[in-house]
Protein backbone atom coordinates (compact mmCIF):
# COMPACT_ATOMS: atom_id res chain seq x y z
CA MET A 1 142.23 156.96 152.32
CA GLY A 2 144.46 154.59 150.39
CA LYS A 3 143.73 153.09 147.04
CA SER A 4 141.42 150.11 147.06
CA SER A 5 142.89 146.86 145.84
CA VAL A 6 139.56 145.90 144.28
CA ASP A 7 139.62 145.93 140.49
CA ARG A 8 136.54 147.85 139.46
CA ARG A 9 136.80 147.16 135.75
CA VAL A 10 133.73 145.51 134.32
CA ALA A 11 134.29 142.59 132.02
CA ALA A 12 132.70 142.79 128.61
CA PRO A 13 129.54 140.71 128.46
CA GLU A 14 129.68 137.42 126.58
CA ILE A 15 128.18 137.77 123.13
CA LEU A 16 125.62 135.02 122.77
CA TYR A 17 124.29 135.99 119.35
CA VAL A 18 125.98 137.73 116.47
CA ASP A 19 122.93 137.30 114.29
CA ARG A 20 120.14 134.76 113.94
CA ARG A 21 122.29 132.38 111.87
CA THR A 22 125.11 132.26 114.43
CA VAL A 23 125.16 129.48 116.99
CA ARG A 24 125.13 130.45 120.64
CA MET A 25 128.66 130.27 122.03
CA ASN A 26 127.62 128.27 125.07
CA GLU A 27 125.35 125.77 123.33
CA SER A 28 125.81 122.06 124.04
CA THR A 29 127.18 119.71 121.43
CA VAL A 30 125.82 116.38 120.26
CA ALA A 31 128.48 114.65 122.37
CA SER A 32 126.43 115.50 125.50
CA PRO A 33 123.25 113.50 124.80
CA MET A 34 124.61 110.90 122.37
CA THR A 35 124.74 107.22 123.22
CA GLU A 36 128.25 105.81 122.96
CA GLY A 37 129.07 102.16 122.43
CA ILE A 38 126.52 101.74 119.69
CA ILE A 39 125.51 98.47 118.13
CA THR A 40 126.72 98.23 114.54
CA ALA A 41 126.15 95.63 111.86
CA PRO A 42 127.81 94.69 108.59
CA ARG A 43 125.68 94.67 105.44
CA SER A 44 126.06 90.89 105.18
CA GLU A 45 124.46 90.01 108.55
CA THR A 46 121.02 88.45 108.32
CA LEU A 47 118.16 90.22 110.02
CA ASP A 48 117.45 87.04 111.94
CA ASP A 49 120.97 87.07 113.43
CA LEU A 50 120.75 90.78 114.13
CA ALA A 51 117.44 90.38 115.93
CA ALA A 52 118.97 87.66 118.10
CA ARG A 53 121.83 90.02 119.06
CA LEU A 54 119.46 92.83 119.92
CA THR A 55 117.01 90.83 122.02
CA ASP A 56 116.44 92.46 125.40
CA LEU A 57 118.61 95.51 124.62
CA ALA A 58 115.71 97.77 123.63
CA ILE A 59 117.72 99.06 120.66
CA LYS A 60 115.64 100.92 118.09
CA SER A 61 118.28 101.47 115.43
CA VAL A 62 121.49 99.90 114.21
CA VAL A 63 124.22 101.73 112.33
CA VAL A 64 125.49 99.77 109.35
CA THR A 65 129.22 100.35 108.89
CA ASP A 66 131.94 99.53 106.40
CA ASP A 67 135.29 97.97 107.33
CA ASP A 68 136.57 101.36 108.53
CA ASP A 69 133.60 101.92 110.89
CA ARG A 70 132.10 104.58 108.62
CA PRO A 71 128.28 104.59 108.44
CA VAL A 72 126.92 103.32 105.14
CA GLY A 73 123.35 102.82 106.28
CA ILE A 74 120.95 102.59 109.16
CA LEU A 75 118.27 100.07 110.05
CA THR A 76 115.51 101.03 112.46
CA SER A 77 112.83 99.05 114.24
CA THR A 78 110.35 100.57 111.79
CA ASP A 79 112.33 99.10 108.88
CA TYR A 80 112.29 95.70 110.58
CA LEU A 81 108.52 95.88 111.07
CA ALA A 82 108.15 96.69 107.36
CA LEU A 83 110.11 93.52 106.58
CA VAL A 84 107.70 91.45 108.65
CA ASP A 85 104.73 93.24 107.08
CA ASP A 86 106.13 92.47 103.59
CA GLY A 87 106.29 88.78 104.50
CA ALA A 88 110.05 88.58 103.91
CA ASP A 89 112.10 85.89 105.62
CA PRO A 90 114.47 87.48 108.21
CA ALA A 91 116.80 84.46 107.94
CA ALA A 92 117.20 85.03 104.19
CA THR A 93 117.31 88.85 104.26
CA THR A 94 120.50 90.76 105.00
CA VAL A 95 120.90 94.08 106.75
CA GLY A 96 122.20 95.46 103.43
CA ASP A 97 118.98 94.41 101.70
CA ARG A 98 116.79 96.49 104.03
CA MET A 99 118.99 99.30 105.36
CA ILE A 100 118.41 102.94 104.55
CA ARG A 101 121.33 103.79 102.30
CA GLU A 102 121.08 107.56 102.41
CA VAL A 103 122.26 107.80 106.00
CA VAL A 104 122.35 111.27 107.52
CA THR A 105 125.10 111.77 110.11
CA VAL A 106 126.18 114.50 112.50
CA ARG A 107 129.62 115.17 113.93
CA TYR A 108 130.09 114.84 117.70
CA ASP A 109 131.12 118.52 117.93
CA GLU A 110 128.03 119.87 116.13
CA THR A 111 125.36 121.60 118.19
CA ILE A 112 122.24 119.94 119.46
CA ARG A 113 120.30 122.54 117.51
CA ARG A 114 121.98 121.33 114.28
CA ALA A 115 121.10 117.71 115.08
CA ALA A 116 117.47 118.65 115.72
CA ARG A 117 117.31 120.55 112.44
CA LEU A 118 118.76 117.59 110.52
CA MET A 119 116.20 115.25 112.09
CA ASP A 120 113.36 117.63 111.26
CA ARG A 121 114.54 118.30 107.69
CA HIS A 122 114.95 114.60 106.86
CA GLY A 123 112.01 113.27 108.91
CA ILE A 124 114.20 110.93 110.95
CA GLY A 125 114.49 110.07 114.63
CA HIS A 126 118.08 108.72 114.81
CA LEU A 127 121.38 110.24 113.70
CA PRO A 128 124.64 108.32 113.72
CA VAL A 129 127.33 110.48 115.33
CA VAL A 130 130.74 110.49 113.65
CA ASP A 131 134.20 111.73 114.57
CA ALA A 132 136.35 114.07 112.47
CA ASP A 133 137.35 111.11 110.25
CA GLY A 134 133.74 110.06 109.62
CA ARG A 135 133.85 106.96 111.85
CA ALA A 136 130.79 106.07 113.89
CA VAL A 137 131.27 106.96 117.56
CA GLY A 138 127.68 107.09 118.78
CA ILE A 139 124.07 107.74 117.97
CA VAL A 140 121.64 110.44 119.02
CA SER A 141 117.87 110.08 118.89
CA SER A 142 115.04 112.54 119.17
CA THR A 143 114.34 110.96 122.57
CA ASP A 144 117.94 111.70 123.64
CA LEU A 145 117.56 115.35 122.61
CA THR A 146 114.25 115.70 124.44
CA ALA A 147 115.67 114.18 127.62
CA HIS A 148 118.74 116.43 127.41
CA LEU A 149 116.59 119.54 127.08
CA ALA A 150 114.28 118.39 129.89
CA ARG A 151 117.33 118.14 132.19
CA GLY A 152 118.17 121.75 131.44
CA GLY A 153 120.64 121.29 128.58
CA ASP A 154 120.96 123.94 125.89
């Protein structure tokens, strides 16, 4: 019989883990579940004006950016409720007055696992997503991560 043209070499298996600290090679990045086209606000905008912009959009967080679109804060619906509870006037209060200044961000090419760990470590539900230059390109929430995993994402 002649030689078979079938290549019988076995490919080396893909290494998924080098050790427990190494990210799986095929794990999804934050770019998969993130929301693009986010609503941003300058520090100077009043909360009254911001609320008017967000009516009917069901937005739960707004990324506060500088002139170069880099996140400098975040304002969530919880922060807005605290304003109302404090009795502050939304027409006289700016986003900069009430925003969370220590904003935690994640790069679009980081893993979903990393985003989840950041949320857990900092006790937050929303992470602004930034590009390699630190500019806001999206946002990812704990709800986004849950939905992604429920659809079979890594």
